[in-house]
Protein backbone atom coordinates (compact mmCIF):
# COMPACT_ATOMS: atom_id res chain seq x y z
CA MET A 1 0.00 0.00 0.00
CA SER A 2 1.24 3.48 -0.80
CA PHE A 3 0.06 6.83 0.44
CA ASN A 4 1.54 10.25 -0.24
CA PRO A 5 0.11 12.81 2.24
CA GLY A 6 1.53 15.63 0.14
CA ARG A 7 -1.13 14.95 -2.49
CA PHE A 8 -3.97 15.75 -0.07
CA VAL A 9 -5.32 18.51 2.15
CA ARG A 10 -5.84 17.61 5.81
CA PHE A 11 -9.42 17.64 7.11
CA PHE A 12 -10.06 18.56 10.76
CA ALA A 13 -12.95 18.52 13.23
CA LYS A 14 -12.99 19.15 16.99
CA ASN A 15 -9.27 20.05 16.96
CA ARG A 16 -8.15 16.75 15.46
CA GLN A 17 -7.49 15.49 11.98
CA ILE A 18 -10.19 13.15 10.74
CA GLY A 19 -9.63 12.95 7.00
CA TRP A 20 -7.86 13.71 3.74
CA LEU A 21 -9.20 15.76 0.83
CA ARG A 22 -8.09 16.04 -2.75
CA PRO A 23 -7.17 19.70 -3.43
CA GLU A 24 -10.05 20.23 -5.85
CA LEU A 25 -12.58 19.06 -3.26
CA ALA A 26 -10.94 21.15 -0.55
CA ALA A 27 -11.22 24.21 -2.78
CA ARG A 28 -14.89 23.49 -3.51
CA LEU A 29 -15.69 23.40 0.22
CA SER A 30 -14.74 27.07 0.52
CA ALA A 31 -18.18 27.80 -1.00
CA TRP A 32 -19.69 26.97 2.40
CA PRO A 33 -17.88 29.30 4.84
CA ASP A 34 -20.49 28.68 7.57
CA VAL A 35 -19.72 24.95 7.46
CA PHE A 36 -15.99 24.85 6.69
CA ASN A 37 -12.97 27.02 7.37
CA SER A 38 -10.91 26.37 4.24
CA SER A 39 -7.33 27.15 3.31
CA ALA A 40 -4.70 25.61 1.04
CA GLU A 41 -3.18 23.76 4.01
CA LYS A 42 -6.25 22.42 5.77
CA VAL A 43 -10.04 22.41 5.98
CA VAL A 44 -11.78 22.60 9.35
CA LEU A 45 -15.35 21.39 9.81
CA LEU A 46 -17.26 24.01 11.78
CA ARG A 47 -20.82 22.65 11.74
CA HIS A 48 -21.36 18.94 11.21
CA GLU A 49 -25.12 19.53 11.51
CA ASP A 50 -25.04 21.12 8.04
CA LEU A 51 -23.04 18.38 6.31
CA ASP A 52 -25.91 16.50 4.67
CA PRO A 53 -27.02 19.20 2.19
CA VAL A 54 -23.40 19.89 1.30
CA VAL A 55 -22.75 16.20 0.64
CA ARG A 56 -25.86 15.96 -1.55
CA GLN A 57 -24.76 18.97 -3.58
CA LEU A 58 -21.27 17.52 -4.00
CA ALA A 59 -22.81 14.24 -5.18
CA GLN A 60 -24.80 16.11 -7.83
CA GLU A 61 -21.59 17.76 -9.01
CA GLY A 62 -19.69 14.45 -9.25
CA PHE A 63 -17.35 14.92 -6.31
CA ILE A 64 -19.04 12.01 -4.51
CA PRO A 65 -19.80 9.08 -6.85
CA GLY A 66 -21.92 6.02 -6.16
CA TRP A 67 -24.56 7.21 -3.68
CA ARG A 68 -25.36 4.30 -1.33
CA ASN A 69 -28.26 5.48 0.87
CA GLU A 70 -26.35 4.05 3.81
CA ARG A 71 -24.61 5.93 6.59
CA TYR A 72 -21.29 5.57 8.36
CA ARG A 73 -20.60 6.70 11.90
CA ILE A 74 -17.39 8.73 11.96
CA GLU A 75 -15.77 8.21 15.36
CA ASP A 76 -17.77 10.06 18.06
CA LEU A 77 -18.53 13.04 15.84
CA PHE A 78 -21.24 12.56 13.22
CA GLU A 79 -22.87 10.29 10.64
CA ILE A 80 -22.41 10.76 6.91
CA GLU A 81 -23.53 9.14 3.66
CA ARG A 82 -21.30 6.12 3.02
CA ALA A 83 -20.27 7.31 -0.44
CA ALA A 84 -18.70 10.43 1.08
CA ALA A 85 -16.28 8.52 3.32
CA LEU A 86 -13.62 7.97 0.65
CA PRO A 87 -13.72 11.46 -0.95
CA PHE A 88 -13.33 12.95 2.54
CA GLY A 89 -10.77 10.32 3.58
CA LEU A 90 -12.70 9.60 6.77
CA PRO A 91 -11.92 6.80 9.26
CA THR A 92 -14.20 3.81 8.75
CA HIS A 93 -14.49 0.23 9.99
CA ALA A 94 -15.00 -3.01 8.06
CA VAL A 95 -15.34 -6.74 8.69
CA HIS A 96 -13.30 -9.25 6.68
CA VAL A 97 -13.72 -13.01 7.03
CA ASN A 98 -11.19 -15.64 6.04
CA GLY A 99 -13.27 -18.51 4.69
CA ILE A 100 -11.46 -21.72 5.64
CA ALA A 101 -12.45 -25.01 4.02
CA ALA A 102 -13.33 -27.92 6.30
CA ASP A 103 -10.09 -29.73 5.38
CA GLY A 104 -8.07 -26.96 7.02
CA ARG A 105 -5.81 -26.66 3.97
CA HIS A 106 -7.77 -24.40 1.60
CA MET A 107 -9.15 -20.88 1.69
CA TRP A 108 -12.09 -19.47 -0.26
CA LEU A 109 -11.56 -16.15 -2.04
CA ALA A 110 -14.09 -14.00 -3.88
CA ARG A 111 -13.28 -12.14 -7.08
CA ARG A 112 -14.69 -8.64 -7.00
CA ALA A 113 -17.05 -7.78 -9.85
CA ALA A 114 -15.58 -5.83 -12.76
CA ASP A 115 -17.89 -2.88 -12.11
CA LYS A 116 -16.79 -2.36 -8.50
CA PRO A 117 -15.36 1.18 -8.13
CA THR A 118 -12.52 0.01 -5.86
CA ASP A 119 -10.21 -2.88 -6.80
CA PRO A 120 -12.42 -4.27 -9.61
CA GLY A 121 -11.55 -7.83 -10.62
CA LEU A 122 -9.16 -8.46 -7.74
CA LEU A 123 -9.48 -11.32 -5.27
CA ASP A 124 -10.94 -10.46 -1.89
CA ASN A 125 -11.64 -12.37 1.30
CA LEU A 126 -14.72 -14.58 1.13
CA VAL A 127 -16.63 -11.94 3.12
CA GLY A 128 -15.83 -8.26 3.49
CA GLY A 129 -17.94 -5.17 4.09
CA GLY A 130 -18.10 -1.81 5.79
CA ILE A 131 -19.81 -1.39 9.16
CA ALA A 132 -22.82 0.89 8.72
CA ALA A 133 -24.08 3.24 11.42
CA GLY A 134 -26.22 1.40 13.96
CA LEU A 135 -24.73 -2.04 13.28
CA SER A 136 -22.23 -3.88 15.46
CA VAL A 137 -19.22 -5.79 14.17
CA GLU A 138 -21.04 -9.08 14.70
CA GLN A 139 -24.26 -7.89 13.02
CA THR A 140 -22.24 -6.74 10.01
CA LEU A 141 -20.49 -10.10 9.82
CA VAL A 142 -23.81 -11.98 9.66
CA LYS A 143 -25.29 -9.54 7.14
CA GLU A 144 -22.30 -9.56 4.80
CA ALA A 145 -21.78 -13.32 5.09
CA TRP A 146 -25.22 -13.91 3.60
CA GLU A 147 -25.07 -11.15 0.96
CA GLU A 148 -21.59 -11.98 -0.30
CA ALA A 149 -21.37 -15.76 0.13
CA GLY A 150 -24.83 -17.13 0.96
CA ILE A 151 -23.66 -18.21 4.42
CA PRO A 152 -26.58 -18.72 6.84
CA ALA A 153 -26.54 -16.77 10.10
CA GLU A 154 -26.11 -19.88 12.25
CA ILE A 155 -22.88 -20.72 10.42
CA ALA A 156 -21.64 -17.10 10.25
CA ARG A 157 -21.95 -16.78 14.02
CA THR A 158 -19.35 -19.52 14.51
CA ALA A 159 -16.65 -17.25 13.08
CA ARG A 160 -13.78 -16.59 15.45
CA ARG A 161 -12.26 -13.18 15.90
CA GLY A 162 -8.71 -12.68 14.71
CA GLY A 163 -6.70 -9.48 14.69
CA THR A 164 -7.23 -6.01 13.28
CA ALA A 165 -5.44 -4.22 10.47
CA GLN A 166 -5.08 -0.54 9.65
CA VAL A 167 -5.37 0.57 6.03
CA LEU A 168 -4.35 3.96 4.65
CA ARG A 169 -4.17 4.12 0.87
CA GLU A 170 -5.22 6.21 -2.09
CA VAL A 171 -8.16 4.87 -4.10
CA PRO A 172 -9.95 6.26 -7.18
CA GLN A 173 -12.59 7.99 -5.01
CA GLY A 174 -10.11 9.52 -2.55
CA VAL A 175 -8.49 7.92 0.50
CA SER A 176 -9.32 4.67 2.28
CA CYS A 177 -8.59 5.06 5.99
CA GLU A 178 -10.04 1.91 7.49
CA THR A 179 -9.80 -0.38 10.48
CA VAL A 180 -10.35 -3.97 9.36
CA HIS A 181 -11.79 -6.40 11.93
CA ILE A 182 -10.62 -9.88 10.92
CA PHE A 183 -12.49 -13.13 11.54
CA ASP A 184 -11.87 -16.75 10.60
CA LEU A 185 -14.77 -18.99 9.60
CA VAL A 186 -14.38 -22.74 9.08
CA LEU A 187 -17.07 -23.76 6.61
CA PRO A 188 -18.96 -27.08 6.86
CA ASP A 189 -17.70 -29.97 4.75
CA GLY A 190 -19.23 -29.75 1.28
CA PHE A 191 -20.40 -26.13 1.64
CA THR A 192 -19.93 -24.04 -1.50
CA PRO A 193 -20.34 -20.27 -1.09
CA ARG A 194 -22.65 -18.49 -3.53
CA ASN A 195 -22.81 -14.73 -3.94
CA GLN A 196 -26.23 -13.14 -3.43
CA ASP A 197 -25.75 -9.42 -4.18
CA GLY A 198 -24.03 -9.43 -7.57
CA GLU A 199 -20.80 -7.91 -6.27
CA VAL A 200 -18.71 -11.06 -6.81
CA SER A 201 -17.91 -12.56 -10.22
CA GLU A 202 -16.47 -15.90 -9.04
CA MET A 203 -15.52 -17.91 -5.97
CA ARG A 204 -12.12 -19.58 -5.87
CA LEU A 205 -10.84 -22.29 -3.58
CA LEU A 206 -7.05 -22.08 -3.21
CA THR A 207 -4.51 -23.96 -1.15
CA PHE A 208 -2.82 -21.98 1.60
CA PRO A 209 0.48 -21.76 -0.38
CA GLN A 210 -1.46 -20.48 -3.41
CA VAL A 211 -3.03 -17.74 -1.29
CA LEU A 212 0.36 -16.77 0.13
CA ASP A 213 1.80 -16.52 -3.39
CA CYS A 214 -1.23 -14.82 -4.94
CA LYS A 215 -0.55 -11.44 -6.60
CA GLU A 216 -4.21 -10.60 -7.20
CA LEU A 217 -5.31 -9.94 -3.62
CA THR A 218 -6.70 -6.61 -2.53
CA PRO A 219 -4.55 -4.96 0.16
CA GLU A 220 -7.22 -5.65 2.78
CA ALA A 221 -7.53 -9.31 1.77
CA GLU A 222 -3.77 -9.75 1.90
CA LEU A 223 -3.63 -8.31 5.41
CA ALA A 224 -6.52 -10.49 6.61
CA ALA A 225 -5.13 -13.69 5.08
CA LYS A 226 -1.66 -13.08 6.48
CA ASP A 227 -3.20 -12.41 9.89
CA TYR A 228 -4.74 -15.88 9.78
CA PHE A 229 -1.56 -17.57 8.57
CA ARG A 230 0.50 -15.84 11.24
CA ARG A 231 -1.84 -16.93 14.02
CA ALA A 232 -1.98 -20.48 12.59
CA GLY A 233 1.81 -20.71 12.57
CA LEU A 234 1.97 -20.91 8.78
């Protein structure tokens, strides 16, 4: 993963940095002086209560692509439309699940659909998704396990918590600044995952050495898989 902070303008709220802005977006925010205090060096959020209409206007102008009608909770400060998290470089949380075959020697990976805005066509963990406002880590795990791999809730709940990983990288929409909560899920013998939401183009079952050598993994998937291998002594 690579990140060059010199390419971005720092975004502040409540006397602490909470995000990263591309210069063109930072300049656009100066149109709302009651909401933001903008300069070439940094942008300070003054009134988070007035963020929603600004975000909607920015979406209409193309600064925020892919409206999701889902909200993220940003630390202890405010909620915001999910699609705005990357353009503003805001800290988010996600759940990633290593899908382990019953033989204990293979791992399921999911190839991201070609129309995904981030990392299209790359191999991801069997399950991975952002934690929306109002949902816990465990609730997100169950929800995403069904949507992405057709895993029933009673199986998803047997997943065991692993480590966490911190991601900071530039993506087409802006900056991904994410805490990844990693879980391991041993799937029942004979279970074949099946995507339900159209965001996966294929499921692949690879040996552990193949996963370790794979050059097609998303950065998040690589971190999650290596977390499992490290804990398993592999």
